[in-house]
């Protein structure tokens, strides 16, 4: 396991997925017996979580897509992913 969190690969935990609720027009993380509503910014991050790419790759992709400072995006992404790992919605692959 890497000491640098950006070198780690996030993945959705077993039975968890990101889904667009078309009725309510919002993004939702569906998990067994629970759900989390996520905003469009969080959804942009989570749509890039494939279980195959590192956080660094996701952060770099978002930096390019939104033409925003990498430091700001990295801070926000790392915080959000850590929270979702704590909630057992995401896990680390490596």
PDB file of N, CA and C in Angstrom:
ATOM      1  N   UNK A   1       0.842  -1.170   0.000  1.00  0.00           N
ATOM      2  CA  UNK A   1       0.000   0.000   0.000  1.00  0.00           C
ATOM      3  C   UNK A   1       0.888   1.235   0.000  1.00  0.00           C
ATOM      4  N   UNK A   2       0.544   2.201  -0.820  1.00  0.00           N
ATOM      5  CA  UNK A   2       1.329   3.415  -0.963  1.00  0.00           C
ATOM      6  C   UNK A   2       1.072   4.368   0.187  1.00  0.00           C
ATOM      7  N   UNK A   3       2.125   5.083   0.623  1.00  0.00           N
ATOM      8  CA  UNK A   3       1.986   6.099   1.660  1.00  0.00           C
ATOM      9  C   UNK A   3       1.328   7.346   1.097  1.00  0.00           C
ATOM     10  N   UNK A   4       1.495   7.586  -0.178  1.00  0.00           N
ATOM     11  CA  UNK A   4       0.907   8.736  -0.843  1.00  0.00           C
ATOM     12  C   UNK A   4      -0.520   8.388  -1.256  1.00  0.00           C
ATOM     13  N   UNK A   5      -1.535   9.064  -0.680  1.00  0.00           N
ATOM     14  CA  UNK A   5      -2.909   8.706  -1.025  1.00  0.00           C
ATOM     15  C   UNK A   5      -3.220   8.889  -2.507  1.00  0.00           C
ATOM     16  N   UNK A   6      -2.515   9.799  -3.183  1.00  0.00           N
ATOM     17  CA  UNK A   6      -2.775   9.992  -4.610  1.00  0.00           C
ATOM     18  C   UNK A   6      -2.349   8.786  -5.440  1.00  0.00           C
ATOM     19  N   UNK A   7      -1.472   7.954  -4.907  1.00  0.00           N
ATOM     20  CA  UNK A   7      -1.039   6.761  -5.608  1.00  0.00           C
ATOM     21  C   UNK A   7      -1.968   5.575  -5.411  1.00  0.00           C
ATOM     22  N   UNK A   8      -2.977   5.756  -4.585  1.00  0.00           N
ATOM     23  CA  UNK A   8      -3.912   4.670  -4.299  1.00  0.00           C
ATOM     24  C   UNK A   8      -5.064   4.648  -5.302  1.00  0.00           C
ATOM     25  N   UNK A   9      -5.690   3.480  -5.429  1.00  0.00           N
ATOM     26  CA  UNK A   9      -6.780   3.288  -6.387  1.00  0.00           C
ATOM     27  C   UNK A   9      -8.095   3.088  -5.630  1.00  0.00           C
ATOM     28  N   UNK A  10      -9.007   4.057  -5.732  1.00  0.00           N
ATOM     29  CA  UNK A  10     -10.307   3.882  -5.080  1.00  0.00           C
ATOM     30  C   UNK A  10     -11.249   3.053  -5.949  1.00  0.00           C
ATOM     31  N   UNK A  11     -12.148   2.347  -5.293  1.00  0.00           N
ATOM     32  CA  UNK A  11     -13.165   1.558  -5.994  1.00  0.00           C
ATOM     33  C   UNK A  11     -14.424   1.577  -5.144  1.00  0.00           C
ATOM     34  N   UNK A  12     -15.549   1.370  -5.791  1.00  0.00           N
ATOM     35  CA  UNK A  12     -16.785   1.247  -5.029  1.00  0.00           C
ATOM     36  C   UNK A  12     -16.764  -0.069  -4.272  1.00  0.00           C
ATOM     37  N   UNK A  13     -17.239  -0.030  -3.043  1.00  0.00           N
ATOM     38  CA  UNK A  13     -17.332  -1.248  -2.238  1.00  0.00           C
ATOM     39  C   UNK A  13     -18.333  -2.201  -2.888  1.00  0.00           C
ATOM     40  N   UNK A  14     -18.249  -3.441  -2.518  1.00  0.00           N
ATOM     41  CA  UNK A  14     -19.148  -4.455  -3.072  1.00  0.00           C
ATOM     42  C   UNK A  14     -20.603  -4.054  -2.819  1.00  0.00           C
ATOM     43  N   UNK A  15     -21.413  -4.071  -3.860  1.00  0.00           N
ATOM     44  CA  UNK A  15     -22.833  -3.741  -3.750  1.00  0.00           C
ATOM     45  C   UNK A  15     -23.135  -2.248  -3.780  1.00  0.00           C
ATOM     46  N   UNK A  16     -22.110  -1.418  -3.994  1.00  0.00           N
ATOM     47  CA  UNK A  16     -22.284   0.035  -4.007  1.00  0.00           C
ATOM     48  C   UNK A  16     -22.093   0.537  -5.431  1.00  0.00           C
ATOM     49  N   UNK A  17     -22.938   1.495  -5.834  1.00  0.00           N
ATOM     50  CA  UNK A  17     -22.797   2.066  -7.174  1.00  0.00           C
ATOM     51  C   UNK A  17     -23.309   3.500  -7.195  1.00  0.00           C
ATOM     52  N   UNK A  18     -22.834   4.257  -8.146  1.00  0.00           N
ATOM     53  CA  UNK A  18     -23.309   5.615  -8.385  1.00  0.00           C
ATOM     54  C   UNK A  18     -24.428   5.533  -9.402  1.00  0.00           C
ATOM     55  N   UNK A  19     -25.517   6.221  -9.136  1.00  0.00           N
ATOM     56  CA  UNK A  19     -26.673   6.144 -10.016  1.00  0.00           C
ATOM     57  C   UNK A  19     -27.347   7.507 -10.096  1.00  0.00           C
ATOM     58  N   UNK A  20     -27.842   7.841 -11.259  1.00  0.00           N
ATOM     59  CA  UNK A  20     -28.592   9.075 -11.450  1.00  0.00           C
ATOM     60  C   UNK A  20     -30.069   8.772 -11.212  1.00  0.00           C
ATOM     61  N   UNK A  21     -30.660   9.426 -10.212  1.00  0.00           N
ATOM     62  CA  UNK A  21     -32.090   9.295  -9.941  1.00  0.00           C
ATOM     63  C   UNK A  21     -32.808  10.261 -10.870  1.00  0.00           C
ATOM     64  N   UNK A  22     -33.404   9.741 -11.895  1.00  0.00           N
ATOM     65  CA  UNK A  22     -34.032  10.578 -12.921  1.00  0.00           C
ATOM     66  C   UNK A  22     -35.299  11.264 -12.408  1.00  0.00           C
ATOM     67  N   UNK A  23     -35.992  10.663 -11.469  1.00  0.00           N
ATOM     68  CA  UNK A  23     -37.213  11.266 -10.927  1.00  0.00           C
ATOM     69  C   UNK A  23     -36.866  12.526 -10.132  1.00  0.00           C
ATOM     70  N   UNK A  24     -35.869  12.410  -9.269  1.00  0.00           N
ATOM     71  CA  UNK A  24     -35.472  13.543  -8.425  1.00  0.00           C
ATOM     72  C   UNK A  24     -34.392  14.411  -9.061  1.00  0.00           C
ATOM     73  N   UNK A  25     -33.873  13.950 -10.209  1.00  0.00           N
ATOM     74  CA  UNK A  25     -32.818  14.647 -10.927  1.00  0.00           C
ATOM     75  C   UNK A  25     -31.615  14.946 -10.039  1.00  0.00           C
ATOM     76  N   UNK A  26     -31.113  13.883  -9.392  1.00  0.00           N
ATOM     77  CA  UNK A  26     -29.926  14.015  -8.546  1.00  0.00           C
ATOM     78  C   UNK A  26     -29.127  12.714  -8.577  1.00  0.00           C
ATOM     79  N   UNK A  27     -27.854  12.837  -8.241  1.00  0.00           N
ATOM     80  CA  UNK A  27     -26.970  11.683  -8.170  1.00  0.00           C
ATOM     81  C   UNK A  27     -27.077  11.050  -6.792  1.00  0.00           C
ATOM     82  N   UNK A  28     -27.018   9.726  -6.757  1.00  0.00           N
ATOM     83  CA  UNK A  28     -27.143   8.979  -5.514  1.00  0.00           C
ATOM     84  C   UNK A  28     -26.136   7.834  -5.505  1.00  0.00           C
ATOM     85  N   UNK A  29     -25.478   7.650  -4.368  1.00  0.00           N
ATOM     86  CA  UNK A  29     -24.678   6.448  -4.165  1.00  0.00           C
ATOM     87  C   UNK A  29     -25.608   5.436  -3.527  1.00  0.00           C
ATOM     88  N   UNK A  30     -25.858   4.360  -4.233  1.00  0.00           N
ATOM     89  CA  UNK A  30     -26.718   3.286  -3.732  1.00  0.00           C
ATOM     90  C   UNK A  30     -25.848   2.248  -3.043  1.00  0.00           C
ATOM     91  N   UNK A  31     -26.176   1.965  -1.799  1.00  0.00           N
ATOM     92  CA  UNK A  31     -25.456   0.953  -1.036  1.00  0.00           C
ATOM     93  C   UNK A  31     -26.486   0.069  -0.354  1.00  0.00           C
ATOM     94  N   UNK A  32     -26.094  -1.139   0.047  1.00  0.00           N
ATOM     95  CA  UNK A  32     -27.051  -1.999   0.740  1.00  0.00           C
ATOM     96  C   UNK A  32     -27.648  -1.296   1.958  1.00  0.00           C
ATOM     97  N   UNK A  33     -28.955  -1.178   1.951  1.00  0.00           N
ATOM     98  CA  UNK A  33     -29.730  -0.616   3.062  1.00  0.00           C
ATOM     99  C   UNK A  33     -29.448   0.846   3.361  1.00  0.00           C
ATOM    100  N   UNK A  34     -28.827   1.565   2.428  1.00  0.00           N
ATOM    101  CA  UNK A  34     -28.586   2.993   2.626  1.00  0.00           C
ATOM    102  C   UNK A  34     -28.293   3.652   1.282  1.00  0.00           C
ATOM    103  N   UNK A  35     -28.412   4.965   1.284  1.00  0.00           N
ATOM    104  CA  UNK A  35     -28.108   5.738   0.084  1.00  0.00           C
ATOM    105  C   UNK A  35     -27.547   7.088   0.511  1.00  0.00           C
ATOM    106  N   UNK A  36     -26.690   7.653  -0.344  1.00  0.00           N
ATOM    107  CA  UNK A  36     -26.115   8.969  -0.105  1.00  0.00           C
ATOM    108  C   UNK A  36     -26.419   9.841  -1.310  1.00  0.00           C
ATOM    109  N   UNK A  37     -26.995  10.990  -1.097  1.00  0.00           N
ATOM    110  CA  UNK A  37     -27.202  11.940  -2.177  1.00  0.00           C
ATOM    111  C   UNK A  37     -25.897  12.703  -2.366  1.00  0.00           C
ATOM    112  N   UNK A  38     -25.461  12.819  -3.608  1.00  0.00           N
ATOM    113  CA  UNK A  38     -24.230  13.544  -3.896  1.00  0.00           C
ATOM    114  C   UNK A  38     -24.521  14.671  -4.877  1.00  0.00           C
ATOM    115  N   UNK A  39     -23.772  15.764  -4.736  1.00  0.00           N
ATOM    116  CA  UNK A  39     -23.955  16.882  -5.650  1.00  0.00           C
ATOM    117  C   UNK A  39     -23.231  16.601  -6.965  1.00  0.00           C
ATOM    118  N   UNK A  40     -23.404  17.498  -7.913  1.00  0.00           N
ATOM    119  CA  UNK A  40     -22.829  17.289  -9.242  1.00  0.00           C
ATOM    120  C   UNK A  40     -21.305  17.252  -9.227  1.00  0.00           C
ATOM    121  N   UNK A  41     -20.693  18.005  -8.330  1.00  0.00           N
ATOM    122  CA  UNK A  41     -19.231  18.008  -8.241  1.00  0.00           C
ATOM    123  C   UNK A  41     -18.734  16.656  -7.730  1.00  0.00           C
ATOM    124  N   UNK A  42     -19.359  16.147  -6.681  1.00  0.00           N
ATOM    125  CA  UNK A  42     -18.986  14.826  -6.172  1.00  0.00           C
ATOM    126  C   UNK A  42     -19.239  13.758  -7.237  1.00  0.00           C
ATOM    127  N   UNK A  43     -20.336  13.897  -7.972  1.00  0.00           N
ATOM    128  CA  UNK A  43     -20.636  12.934  -9.034  1.00  0.00           C
ATOM    129  C   UNK A  43     -19.555  12.956 -10.111  1.00  0.00           C
ATOM    130  N   UNK A  44     -19.019  14.147 -10.427  1.00  0.00           N
ATOM    131  CA  UNK A  44     -17.950  14.244 -11.428  1.00  0.00           C
ATOM    132  C   UNK A  44     -16.723  13.464 -10.976  1.00  0.00           C
ATOM    133  N   UNK A  45     -16.446  13.486  -9.682  1.00  0.00           N
ATOM    134  CA  UNK A  45     -15.332  12.709  -9.142  1.00  0.00           C
ATOM    135  C   UNK A  45     -15.669  11.224  -9.207  1.00  0.00           C
ATOM    136  N   UNK A  46     -16.833  10.862  -8.692  1.00  0.00           N
ATOM    137  CA  UNK A  46     -17.208   9.451  -8.577  1.00  0.00           C
ATOM    138  C   UNK A  46     -17.393   8.768  -9.926  1.00  0.00           C
ATOM    139  N   UNK A  47     -17.764   9.515 -10.950  1.00  0.00           N
ATOM    140  CA  UNK A  47     -17.881   8.925 -12.285  1.00  0.00           C
ATOM    141  C   UNK A  47     -16.526   8.479 -12.818  1.00  0.00           C
ATOM    142  N   UNK A  48     -15.470   8.986 -12.239  1.00  0.00           N
ATOM    143  CA  UNK A  48     -14.115   8.621 -12.664  1.00  0.00           C
ATOM    144  C   UNK A  48     -13.536   7.466 -11.835  1.00  0.00           C
ATOM    145  N   UNK A  49     -14.253   7.047 -10.816  1.00  0.00           N
ATOM    146  CA  UNK A  49     -13.807   5.932  -9.973  1.00  0.00           C
ATOM    147  C   UNK A  49     -14.169   4.630 -10.677  1.00  0.00           C
ATOM    148  N   UNK A  50     -13.150   3.944 -11.158  1.00  0.00           N
ATOM    149  CA  UNK A  50     -13.380   2.700 -11.899  1.00  0.00           C
ATOM    150  C   UNK A  50     -12.775   1.489 -11.200  1.00  0.00           C
ATOM    151  N   UNK A  51     -11.960   1.750 -10.175  1.00  0.00           N
ATOM    152  CA  UNK A  51     -11.245   0.655  -9.544  1.00  0.00           C
ATOM    153  C   UNK A  51      -9.959   0.316 -10.272  1.00  0.00           C
ATOM    154  N   UNK A  52      -9.644   1.089 -11.327  1.00  0.00           N
ATOM    155  CA  UNK A  52      -8.450   0.834 -12.133  1.00  0.00           C
ATOM    156  C   UNK A  52      -7.493   2.017 -12.198  1.00  0.00           C
ATOM    157  N   UNK A  53      -7.937   3.203 -11.769  1.00  0.00           N
ATOM    158  CA  UNK A  53      -7.092   4.398 -11.893  1.00  0.00           C
ATOM    159  C   UNK A  53      -6.810   4.996 -10.520  1.00  0.00           C
ATOM    160  N   UNK A  54      -5.649   5.618 -10.408  1.00  0.00           N
ATOM    161  CA  UNK A  54      -5.243   6.217  -9.141  1.00  0.00           C
ATOM    162  C   UNK A  54      -5.966   7.545  -8.909  1.00  0.00           C
ATOM    163  N   UNK A  55      -5.933   7.974  -7.662  1.00  0.00           N
ATOM    164  CA  UNK A  55      -6.479   9.291  -7.332  1.00  0.00           C
ATOM    165  C   UNK A  55      -5.727  10.377  -8.087  1.00  0.00           C
ATOM    166  N   UNK A  56      -4.423  10.212  -8.266  1.00  0.00           N
ATOM    167  CA  UNK A  56      -3.641  11.210  -9.014  1.00  0.00           C
ATOM    168  C   UNK A  56      -4.192  11.374 -10.424  1.00  0.00           C
ATOM    169  N   UNK A  57      -4.521  10.268 -11.068  1.00  0.00           N
ATOM    170  CA  UNK A  57      -5.089  10.323 -12.419  1.00  0.00           C
ATOM    171  C   UNK A  57      -6.440  11.032 -12.395  1.00  0.00           C
ATOM    172  N   UNK A  58      -7.276  10.706 -11.427  1.00  0.00           N
ATOM    173  CA  UNK A  58      -8.595  11.345 -11.310  1.00  0.00           C
ATOM    174  C   UNK A  58      -8.429  12.848 -11.084  1.00  0.00           C
ATOM    175  N   UNK A  59      -7.531  13.219 -10.190  1.00  0.00           N
ATOM    176  CA  UNK A  59      -7.289  14.634  -9.885  1.00  0.00           C
ATOM    177  C   UNK A  59      -6.770  15.360 -11.124  1.00  0.00           C
ATOM    178  N   UNK A  60      -5.830  14.758 -11.829  1.00  0.00           N
ATOM    179  CA  UNK A  60      -5.299  15.384 -13.045  1.00  0.00           C
ATOM    180  C   UNK A  60      -6.391  15.561 -14.098  1.00  0.00           C
ATOM    181  N   UNK A  61      -7.237  14.561 -14.248  1.00  0.00           N
ATOM    182  CA  UNK A  61      -8.335  14.637 -15.217  1.00  0.00           C
ATOM    183  C   UNK A  61      -9.299  15.762 -14.852  1.00  0.00           C
ATOM    184  N   UNK A  62      -9.633  15.880 -13.574  1.00  0.00           N
ATOM    185  CA  UNK A  62     -10.536  16.950 -13.132  1.00  0.00           C
ATOM    186  C   UNK A  62      -9.894  18.323 -13.294  1.00  0.00           C
ATOM    187  N   UNK A  63      -8.594  18.414 -13.033  1.00  0.00           N
ATOM    188  CA  UNK A  63      -7.874  19.678 -13.194  1.00  0.00           C
ATOM    189  C   UNK A  63      -7.957  20.151 -14.642  1.00  0.00           C
ATOM    190  N   UNK A  64      -7.789  19.237 -15.569  1.00  0.00           N
ATOM    191  CA  UNK A  64      -7.895  19.569 -16.991  1.00  0.00           C
ATOM    192  C   UNK A  64      -9.336  19.900 -17.375  1.00  0.00           C
ATOM    193  N   UNK A  65     -10.270  19.082 -16.939  1.00  0.00           N
ATOM    194  CA  UNK A  65     -11.675  19.274 -17.312  1.00  0.00           C
ATOM    195  C   UNK A  65     -12.254  20.590 -16.799  1.00  0.00           C
ATOM    196  N   UNK A  66     -11.834  20.993 -15.613  1.00  0.00           N
ATOM    197  CA  UNK A  66     -12.429  22.182 -14.996  1.00  0.00           C
ATOM    198  C   UNK A  66     -11.485  23.382 -14.969  1.00  0.00           C
ATOM    199  N   UNK A  67     -10.290  23.225 -15.533  1.00  0.00           N
ATOM    200  CA  UNK A  67      -9.320  24.307 -15.584  1.00  0.00           C
ATOM    201  C   UNK A  67      -9.215  25.012 -14.223  1.00  0.00           C
ATOM    202  N   UNK A  68      -8.996  24.206 -13.206  1.00  0.00           N
ATOM    203  CA  UNK A  68      -8.919  24.703 -11.830  1.00  0.00           C
ATOM    204  C   UNK A  68      -7.561  24.346 -11.243  1.00  0.00           C
ATOM    205  N   UNK A  69      -7.160  25.030 -10.163  1.00  0.00           N
ATOM    206  CA  UNK A  69      -5.870  24.721  -9.534  1.00  0.00           C
ATOM    207  C   UNK A  69      -5.831  23.288  -8.995  1.00  0.00           C
ATOM    208  N   UNK A  70      -4.767  22.576  -9.333  1.00  0.00           N
ATOM    209  CA  UNK A  70      -4.644  21.182  -8.918  1.00  0.00           C
ATOM    210  C   UNK A  70      -4.693  21.040  -7.400  1.00  0.00           C
ATOM    211  N   UNK A  71      -4.056  21.951  -6.676  1.00  0.00           N
ATOM    212  CA  UNK A  71      -4.019  21.862  -5.214  1.00  0.00           C
ATOM    213  C   UNK A  71      -5.429  21.889  -4.621  1.00  0.00           C
ATOM    214  N   UNK A  72      -6.286  22.742  -5.163  1.00  0.00           N
ATOM    215  CA  UNK A  72      -7.664  22.851  -4.676  1.00  0.00           C
ATOM    216  C   UNK A  72      -8.434  21.573  -4.953  1.00  0.00           C
ATOM    217  N   UNK A  73      -8.322  21.088  -6.180  1.00  0.00           N
ATOM    218  CA  UNK A  73      -9.030  19.859  -6.548  1.00  0.00           C
ATOM    219  C   UNK A  73      -8.508  18.687  -5.729  1.00  0.00           C
ATOM    220  N   UNK A  74      -7.200  18.585  -5.579  1.00  0.00           N
ATOM    221  CA  UNK A  74      -6.613  17.470  -4.824  1.00  0.00           C
ATOM    222  C   UNK A  74      -7.121  17.473  -3.390  1.00  0.00           C
ATOM    223  N   UNK A  75      -7.142  18.621  -2.771  1.00  0.00           N
ATOM    224  CA  UNK A  75      -7.613  18.713  -1.386  1.00  0.00           C
ATOM    225  C   UNK A  75      -9.059  18.256  -1.261  1.00  0.00           C
ATOM    226  N   UNK A  76      -9.900  18.737  -2.164  1.00  0.00           N
ATOM    227  CA  UNK A  76     -11.323  18.381  -2.119  1.00  0.00           C
ATOM    228  C   UNK A  76     -11.548  16.893  -2.407  1.00  0.00           C
ATOM    229  N   UNK A  77     -10.848  16.362  -3.408  1.00  0.00           N
ATOM    230  CA  UNK A  77     -11.010  14.955  -3.781  1.00  0.00           C
ATOM    231  C   UNK A  77     -10.516  14.044  -2.657  1.00  0.00           C
ATOM    232  N   UNK A  78      -9.357  14.343  -2.111  1.00  0.00           N
ATOM    233  CA  UNK A  78      -8.816  13.509  -1.033  1.00  0.00           C
ATOM    234  C   UNK A  78      -9.747  13.501   0.177  1.00  0.00           C
ATOM    235  N   UNK A  79     -10.298  14.649   0.514  1.00  0.00           N
ATOM    236  CA  UNK A  79     -11.217  14.737   1.652  1.00  0.00           C
ATOM    237  C   UNK A  79     -12.491  13.936   1.396  1.00  0.00           C
ATOM    238  N   UNK A  80     -13.063  14.097   0.204  1.00  0.00           N
ATOM    239  CA  UNK A  80     -14.301  13.395  -0.127  1.00  0.00           C
ATOM    240  C   UNK A  80     -14.098  11.884  -0.157  1.00  0.00           C
ATOM    241  N   UNK A  81     -13.021  11.441  -0.781  1.00  0.00           N
ATOM    242  CA  UNK A  81     -12.756  10.002  -0.881  1.00  0.00           C
ATOM    243  C   UNK A  81     -12.514   9.412   0.515  1.00  0.00           C
ATOM    244  N   UNK A  82     -11.762  10.106   1.351  1.00  0.00           N
ATOM    245  CA  UNK A  82     -11.521   9.621   2.714  1.00  0.00           C
ATOM    246  C   UNK A  82     -12.838   9.474   3.476  1.00  0.00           C
ATOM    247  N   UNK A  83     -13.737  10.433   3.308  1.00  0.00           N
ATOM    248  CA  UNK A  83     -15.042  10.361   3.963  1.00  0.00           C
ATOM    249  C   UNK A  83     -15.844   9.160   3.466  1.00  0.00           C
ATOM    250  N   UNK A  84     -15.827   8.927   2.170  1.00  0.00           N
ATOM    251  CA  UNK A  84     -16.583   7.798   1.618  1.00  0.00           C
ATOM    252  C   UNK A  84     -15.954   6.454   1.968  1.00  0.00           C
ATOM    253  N   UNK A  85     -14.638   6.420   2.159  1.00  0.00           N
ATOM    254  CA  UNK A  85     -13.989   5.202   2.652  1.00  0.00           C
ATOM    255  C   UNK A  85     -14.433   4.959   4.098  1.00  0.00           C
ATOM    256  N   UNK A  86     -14.456   6.011   4.905  1.00  0.00           N
ATOM    257  CA  UNK A  86     -14.915   5.882   6.294  1.00  0.00           C
ATOM    258  C   UNK A  86     -16.355   5.379   6.359  1.00  0.00           C
ATOM    259  N   UNK A  87     -17.176   5.793   5.395  1.00  0.00           N
ATOM    260  CA  UNK A  87     -18.588   5.373   5.349  1.00  0.00           C
ATOM    261  C   UNK A  87     -18.773   4.016   4.663  1.00  0.00           C
ATOM    262  N   UNK A  88     -17.664   3.431   4.215  1.00  0.00           N
ATOM    263  CA  UNK A  88     -17.618   2.128   3.571  1.00  0.00           C
ATOM    264  C   UNK A  88     -18.355   2.093   2.226  1.00  0.00           C
ATOM    265  N   UNK A  89     -18.424   3.257   1.573  1.00  0.00           N
ATOM    266  CA  UNK A  89     -18.975   3.318   0.235  1.00  0.00           C
ATOM    267  C   UNK A  89     -17.865   3.074  -0.799  1.00  0.00           C
ATOM    268  N   UNK A  90     -16.642   3.494  -0.459  1.00  0.00           N
ATOM    269  CA  UNK A  90     -15.476   3.263  -1.300  1.00  0.00           C
ATOM    270  C   UNK A  90     -14.459   2.430  -0.528  1.00  0.00           C
ATOM    271  N   UNK A  91     -13.644   1.699  -1.252  1.00  0.00           N
ATOM    272  CA  UNK A  91     -12.544   0.927  -0.663  1.00  0.00           C
ATOM    273  C   UNK A  91     -11.291   1.227  -1.476  1.00  0.00           C
ATOM    274  N   UNK A  92     -10.141   0.867  -0.913  1.00  0.00           N
ATOM    275  CA  UNK A  92      -8.866   1.022  -1.624  1.00  0.00           C
ATOM    276  C   UNK A  92      -8.500  -0.279  -2.290  1.00  0.00           C
ATOM    277  N   UNK A  93      -8.159  -0.205  -3.572  1.00  0.00           N
ATOM    278  CA  UNK A  93      -7.698  -1.384  -4.307  1.00  0.00           C
ATOM    279  C   UNK A  93      -6.215  -1.600  -4.076  1.00  0.00           C
ATOM    280  N   UNK A  94      -5.469  -0.508  -4.000  1.00  0.00           N
ATOM    281  CA  UNK A  94      -4.021  -0.639  -3.777  1.00  0.00           C
ATOM    282  C   UNK A  94      -3.500   0.610  -3.133  1.00  0.00           C
TER     283      UNK A  94
END
